[in-house]
């Protein structure tokens, strides 16, 4: 993993922890909604915190099949190619 990938993953782990997600459940393959039990309010909080930390805007999906790894990739794409 590159330095920025590690930074994004660590930040996301911290954010999820602040939302009450147990650290041992935070894996790249974990589904945000179904497995981590995040809701739309949590999605907004995650989006706002990612904006604050990385100055990126990503739409966080908690319904469906978006995983922690997917979210990391979305943030990385926005960092590398804003807009």
C-alpha atoms as a PDB file:
ATOM      1  CA  UNK A   1       0.000   0.000   0.000  1.00  0.00           C
ATOM      2  CA  UNK A   2       1.148   3.527  -0.721  1.00  0.00           C
ATOM      3  CA  UNK A   3       1.484   6.119   2.024  1.00  0.00           C
ATOM      4  CA  UNK A   4      -1.763   7.863   1.033  1.00  0.00           C
ATOM      5  CA  UNK A   5      -3.634   4.544   0.931  1.00  0.00           C
ATOM      6  CA  UNK A   6      -2.470   3.799   4.467  1.00  0.00           C
ATOM      7  CA  UNK A   7      -3.453   7.307   5.578  1.00  0.00           C
ATOM      8  CA  UNK A   8      -6.952   7.011   4.073  1.00  0.00           C
ATOM      9  CA  UNK A   9      -7.465   3.532   5.523  1.00  0.00           C
ATOM     10  CA  UNK A  10      -6.341   4.682   8.984  1.00  0.00           C
ATOM     11  CA  UNK A  11      -8.578   7.744   8.826  1.00  0.00           C
ATOM     12  CA  UNK A  12     -11.561   5.666   7.789  1.00  0.00           C
ATOM     13  CA  UNK A  13     -10.874   3.198  10.592  1.00  0.00           C
ATOM     14  CA  UNK A  14     -10.803   6.107  13.069  1.00  0.00           C
ATOM     15  CA  UNK A  15     -14.023   7.583  11.679  1.00  0.00           C
ATOM     16  CA  UNK A  16     -15.817   4.237  11.828  1.00  0.00           C
ATOM     17  CA  UNK A  17     -14.551   3.703  15.362  1.00  0.00           C
ATOM     18  CA  UNK A  18     -15.997   7.075  16.383  1.00  0.00           C
ATOM     19  CA  UNK A  19     -19.332   5.846  15.015  1.00  0.00           C
ATOM     20  CA  UNK A  20     -19.176   2.802  17.286  1.00  0.00           C
ATOM     21  CA  UNK A  21     -17.906   0.203  14.833  1.00  0.00           C
ATOM     22  CA  UNK A  22     -15.690  -2.382  16.537  1.00  0.00           C
ATOM     23  CA  UNK A  23     -12.134  -2.197  15.137  1.00  0.00           C
ATOM     24  CA  UNK A  24     -11.924  -5.969  14.581  1.00  0.00           C
ATOM     25  CA  UNK A  25     -14.920  -5.799  12.210  1.00  0.00           C
ATOM     26  CA  UNK A  26     -13.365  -3.171   9.951  1.00  0.00           C
ATOM     27  CA  UNK A  27     -12.019  -5.127   6.985  1.00  0.00           C
ATOM     28  CA  UNK A  28     -11.780  -4.044   3.358  1.00  0.00           C
ATOM     29  CA  UNK A  29     -14.481  -6.576   2.482  1.00  0.00           C
ATOM     30  CA  UNK A  30     -16.927  -5.465   5.215  1.00  0.00           C
ATOM     31  CA  UNK A  31     -20.222  -4.131   3.856  1.00  0.00           C
ATOM     32  CA  UNK A  32     -20.910  -0.677   5.266  1.00  0.00           C
ATOM     33  CA  UNK A  33     -24.616  -1.214   5.853  1.00  0.00           C
ATOM     34  CA  UNK A  34     -25.251  -4.926   6.185  1.00  0.00           C
ATOM     35  CA  UNK A  35     -22.164  -5.905   8.184  1.00  0.00           C
ATOM     36  CA  UNK A  36     -21.094  -2.725   9.954  1.00  0.00           C
ATOM     37  CA  UNK A  37     -24.713  -1.667  10.517  1.00  0.00           C
ATOM     38  CA  UNK A  38     -24.207   1.914   9.361  1.00  0.00           C
ATOM     39  CA  UNK A  39     -27.209   4.008   8.377  1.00  0.00           C
ATOM     40  CA  UNK A  40     -27.751   7.095   6.230  1.00  0.00           C
ATOM     41  CA  UNK A  41     -26.922   9.436   9.124  1.00  0.00           C
ATOM     42  CA  UNK A  42     -23.611   7.626   9.568  1.00  0.00           C
ATOM     43  CA  UNK A  43     -22.992   7.941   5.814  1.00  0.00           C
ATOM     44  CA  UNK A  44     -23.376  11.718   6.049  1.00  0.00           C
ATOM     45  CA  UNK A  45     -21.021  11.852   9.044  1.00  0.00           C
ATOM     46  CA  UNK A  46     -18.419   9.780   7.199  1.00  0.00           C
ATOM     47  CA  UNK A  47     -18.702  11.998   4.127  1.00  0.00           C
ATOM     48  CA  UNK A  48     -18.322  15.179   6.177  1.00  0.00           C
ATOM     49  CA  UNK A  49     -15.309  13.848   8.040  1.00  0.00           C
ATOM     50  CA  UNK A  50     -13.624  12.713   4.815  1.00  0.00           C
ATOM     51  CA  UNK A  51     -14.257  16.194   3.392  1.00  0.00           C
ATOM     52  CA  UNK A  52     -12.674  17.759   6.479  1.00  0.00           C
ATOM     53  CA  UNK A  53      -9.647  15.485   6.505  1.00  0.00           C
ATOM     54  CA  UNK A  54      -8.912  15.127   2.787  1.00  0.00           C
ATOM     55  CA  UNK A  55     -10.915  17.916   1.119  1.00  0.00           C
ATOM     56  CA  UNK A  56     -12.758  15.405  -1.056  1.00  0.00           C
ATOM     57  CA  UNK A  57     -16.440  14.859  -1.683  1.00  0.00           C
ATOM     58  CA  UNK A  58     -17.561  11.254  -1.887  1.00  0.00           C
ATOM     59  CA  UNK A  59     -21.037   9.800  -1.757  1.00  0.00           C
ATOM     60  CA  UNK A  60     -21.058   7.123   0.915  1.00  0.00           C
ATOM     61  CA  UNK A  61     -23.521   4.313   0.203  1.00  0.00           C
ATOM     62  CA  UNK A  62     -24.692   2.222   3.146  1.00  0.00           C
ATOM     63  CA  UNK A  63     -27.394   0.395   1.229  1.00  0.00           C
ATOM     64  CA  UNK A  64     -26.197  -2.141  -1.273  1.00  0.00           C
ATOM     65  CA  UNK A  65     -22.796  -3.648  -1.670  1.00  0.00           C
ATOM     66  CA  UNK A  66     -20.341  -0.822  -0.893  1.00  0.00           C
ATOM     67  CA  UNK A  67     -17.493  -2.044   1.280  1.00  0.00           C
ATOM     68  CA  UNK A  68     -14.816  -0.345   3.346  1.00  0.00           C
ATOM     69  CA  UNK A  69     -12.356  -1.084   0.525  1.00  0.00           C
ATOM     70  CA  UNK A  70     -14.676   0.497  -2.036  1.00  0.00           C
ATOM     71  CA  UNK A  71     -14.860   3.646   0.051  1.00  0.00           C
ATOM     72  CA  UNK A  72     -11.080   3.814   0.386  1.00  0.00           C
ATOM     73  CA  UNK A  73     -10.803   3.546  -3.418  1.00  0.00           C
ATOM     74  CA  UNK A  74     -13.391   6.311  -3.923  1.00  0.00           C
ATOM     75  CA  UNK A  75     -11.438   8.644  -1.638  1.00  0.00           C
ATOM     76  CA  UNK A  76      -8.167   7.834  -3.392  1.00  0.00           C
ATOM     77  CA  UNK A  77      -9.691   8.546  -6.812  1.00  0.00           C
ATOM     78  CA  UNK A  78     -10.976  11.918  -5.577  1.00  0.00           C
ATOM     79  CA  UNK A  79      -7.599  12.793  -4.062  1.00  0.00           C
ATOM     80  CA  UNK A  80      -5.766  11.887  -7.278  1.00  0.00           C
ATOM     81  CA  UNK A  81      -8.359  13.259  -9.725  1.00  0.00           C
ATOM     82  CA  UNK A  82     -10.554  15.865  -8.023  1.00  0.00           C
ATOM     83  CA  UNK A  83     -13.840  16.798  -9.584  1.00  0.00           C
END
